[in-house]
Amino acid sequence: MKKLTTEKLIQYMKDRTDEPLRHDADSLAKACNTVSAELNHDNALDMLKLLCFNDAIHGLHTHSYSFNTATGREIIYKLQKEYYEYKDC
């Protein structure tokens, strides 16, 4: 599995958007890595793309006709839950 480091996350966000990162990068990276491992997905960066930019993860069937599926919404919920658990520790 390709783990997402805090540095990679910050660099990706800088490359993808001009908006400043308003969330805790370390907690966000940990949440993406945790959920990616739970789902046996090989790339934690895909979790970040889903959460922040609503990009589809085709192997996990997160979208149908550009709308989130129940699976996609569940993954987003898990990511948010993990993020706040790490952030509040």
C-alpha atoms as a PDB file:
ATOM      1  CA  MET A   1       0.000   0.000   0.000  1.00  0.00           C
ATOM      2  CA  LYS A   2       1.218   3.483  -0.829  1.00  0.00           C
ATOM      3  CA  LYS A   3       1.108   5.388   2.449  1.00  0.00           C
ATOM      4  CA  LEU A   4       0.381   9.076   2.481  1.00  0.00           C
ATOM      5  CA  THR A   5       2.857  11.151   4.454  1.00  0.00           C
ATOM      6  CA  THR A   6       2.139  14.590   5.825  1.00  0.00           C
ATOM      7  CA  GLU A   7       4.679  16.097   3.435  1.00  0.00           C
ATOM      8  CA  LYS A   8       3.128  14.373   0.403  1.00  0.00           C
ATOM      9  CA  LEU A   9      -0.322  15.545   1.481  1.00  0.00           C
ATOM     10  CA  ILE A  10       0.782  19.170   1.845  1.00  0.00           C
ATOM     11  CA  GLN A  11       2.576  19.105  -1.513  1.00  0.00           C
ATOM     12  CA  TYR A  12      -0.402  17.501  -3.271  1.00  0.00           C
ATOM     13  CA  MET A  13      -2.769  20.122  -1.878  1.00  0.00           C
ATOM     14  CA  LYS A  14      -0.433  22.924  -3.000  1.00  0.00           C
ATOM     15  CA  ASP A  15      -0.276  21.424  -6.487  1.00  0.00           C
ATOM     16  CA  ARG A  16      -4.012  20.813  -6.750  1.00  0.00           C
ATOM     17  CA  THR A  17      -5.488  24.024  -5.331  1.00  0.00           C
ATOM     18  CA  ASP A  18      -4.614  27.590  -4.471  1.00  0.00           C
ATOM     19  CA  GLU A  19      -6.678  27.438  -1.287  1.00  0.00           C
ATOM     20  CA  PRO A  20      -4.728  27.144   1.974  1.00  0.00           C
ATOM     21  CA  LEU A  21      -4.976  23.873   3.877  1.00  0.00           C
ATOM     22  CA  ARG A  22      -7.289  24.560   6.794  1.00  0.00           C
ATOM     23  CA  HIS A  23      -7.187  21.127   8.365  1.00  0.00           C
ATOM     24  CA  ASP A  24      -4.530  19.342  10.379  1.00  0.00           C
ATOM     25  CA  ALA A  25      -2.360  17.681   7.733  1.00  0.00           C
ATOM     26  CA  ASP A  26      -0.964  15.021  10.068  1.00  0.00           C
ATOM     27  CA  SER A  27      -4.417  13.887  11.215  1.00  0.00           C
ATOM     28  CA  LEU A  28      -5.704  13.930   7.651  1.00  0.00           C
ATOM     29  CA  ALA A  29      -2.821  11.763   6.412  1.00  0.00           C
ATOM     30  CA  LYS A  30      -3.307   9.285   9.266  1.00  0.00           C
ATOM     31  CA  ALA A  31      -7.041   9.059   8.570  1.00  0.00           C
ATOM     32  CA  CYS A  32      -6.438   8.401   4.868  1.00  0.00           C
ATOM     33  CA  ASN A  33      -3.883   5.700   5.654  1.00  0.00           C
ATOM     34  CA  THR A  34      -6.133   4.030   8.225  1.00  0.00           C
ATOM     35  CA  VAL A  35      -9.235   3.891   6.029  1.00  0.00           C
ATOM     36  CA  SER A  36      -7.215   2.814   3.007  1.00  0.00           C
ATOM     37  CA  ALA A  37      -5.790  -0.092   5.004  1.00  0.00           C
ATOM     38  CA  GLU A  38      -9.251  -1.035   6.334  1.00  0.00           C
ATOM     39  CA  LEU A  39     -10.594  -1.222   2.782  1.00  0.00           C
ATOM     40  CA  ASN A  40      -7.498  -3.022   1.426  1.00  0.00           C
ATOM     41  CA  HIS A  41      -7.029  -0.205  -1.075  1.00  0.00           C
ATOM     42  CA  ASP A  42      -3.508   0.235  -2.384  1.00  0.00           C
ATOM     43  CA  ASN A  43      -3.285   4.048  -2.494  1.00  0.00           C
ATOM     44  CA  ALA A  44      -4.132   6.319   0.446  1.00  0.00           C
ATOM     45  CA  LEU A  45      -3.909   9.397  -1.796  1.00  0.00           C
ATOM     46  CA  ASP A  46      -7.152   8.246  -3.439  1.00  0.00           C
ATOM     47  CA  MET A  47      -8.881   8.660  -0.075  1.00  0.00           C
ATOM     48  CA  LEU A  48      -7.690  12.259   0.126  1.00  0.00           C
ATOM     49  CA  LYS A  49      -8.918  12.927  -3.419  1.00  0.00           C
ATOM     50  CA  LEU A  50     -12.333  11.491  -2.547  1.00  0.00           C
ATOM     51  CA  LEU A  51     -12.654  13.448   0.667  1.00  0.00           C
ATOM     52  CA  CYS A  52     -11.362  16.832  -0.473  1.00  0.00           C
ATOM     53  CA  PHE A  53     -12.173  16.915  -4.195  1.00  0.00           C
ATOM     54  CA  ASN A  54     -14.917  14.275  -4.585  1.00  0.00           C
ATOM     55  CA  ASP A  55     -12.835  12.329  -7.115  1.00  0.00           C
ATOM     56  CA  ALA A  56     -14.143   8.853  -7.862  1.00  0.00           C
ATOM     57  CA  ILE A  57     -12.313   5.695  -6.797  1.00  0.00           C
ATOM     58  CA  HIS A  58     -13.414   3.305  -9.508  1.00  0.00           C
ATOM     59  CA  GLY A  59     -12.221   0.128  -7.797  1.00  0.00           C
ATOM     60  CA  LEU A  60     -14.354   0.940  -4.753  1.00  0.00           C
ATOM     61  CA  HIS A  61     -17.418   2.088  -6.727  1.00  0.00           C
ATOM     62  CA  THR A  62     -17.711   5.415  -4.930  1.00  0.00           C
ATOM     63  CA  HIS A  63     -19.660   7.180  -7.690  1.00  0.00           C
ATOM     64  CA  SER A  64     -22.473   6.442 -10.115  1.00  0.00           C
ATOM     65  CA  TYR A  65     -23.282   9.039 -12.774  1.00  0.00           C
ATOM     66  CA  SER A  66     -21.090  11.519 -10.857  1.00  0.00           C
ATOM     67  CA  PHE A  67     -23.092  11.075  -7.647  1.00  0.00           C
ATOM     68  CA  ASN A  68     -21.797   9.434  -4.475  1.00  0.00           C
ATOM     69  CA  THR A  69     -23.001   5.891  -3.964  1.00  0.00           C
ATOM     70  CA  ALA A  70     -23.833   4.544  -0.513  1.00  0.00           C
ATOM     71  CA  THR A  71     -20.341   3.052  -0.477  1.00  0.00           C
ATOM     72  CA  GLY A  72     -18.792   6.409  -1.322  1.00  0.00           C
ATOM     73  CA  ARG A  73     -20.740   8.166   1.420  1.00  0.00           C
ATOM     74  CA  GLU A  74     -19.713   5.503   3.923  1.00  0.00           C
ATOM     75  CA  ILE A  75     -16.035   5.904   3.030  1.00  0.00           C
ATOM     76  CA  ILE A  76     -16.292   9.691   3.392  1.00  0.00           C
ATOM     77  CA  TYR A  77     -17.974   9.229   6.784  1.00  0.00           C
ATOM     78  CA  LYS A  78     -15.191   6.857   7.912  1.00  0.00           C
ATOM     79  CA  LEU A  79     -12.535   9.337   6.796  1.00  0.00           C
ATOM     80  CA  GLN A  80     -14.206  12.182   8.683  1.00  0.00           C
ATOM     81  CA  LYS A  81     -14.616  10.042  11.799  1.00  0.00           C
ATOM     82  CA  GLU A  82     -10.964   8.936  11.754  1.00  0.00           C
ATOM     83  CA  TYR A  83      -9.781  12.497  11.122  1.00  0.00           C
ATOM     84  CA  TYR A  84     -11.604  13.875  14.151  1.00  0.00           C
ATOM     85  CA  GLU A  85     -10.456  10.974  16.330  1.00  0.00           C
ATOM     86  CA  TYR A  86      -6.811  11.708  15.466  1.00  0.00           C
ATOM     87  CA  LYS A  87      -7.296  15.461  15.683  1.00  0.00           C
ATOM     88  CA  ASP A  88      -8.929  15.368  19.115  1.00  0.00           C
ATOM     89  CA  CYS A  89      -6.225  13.160  20.650  1.00  0.00           C
END
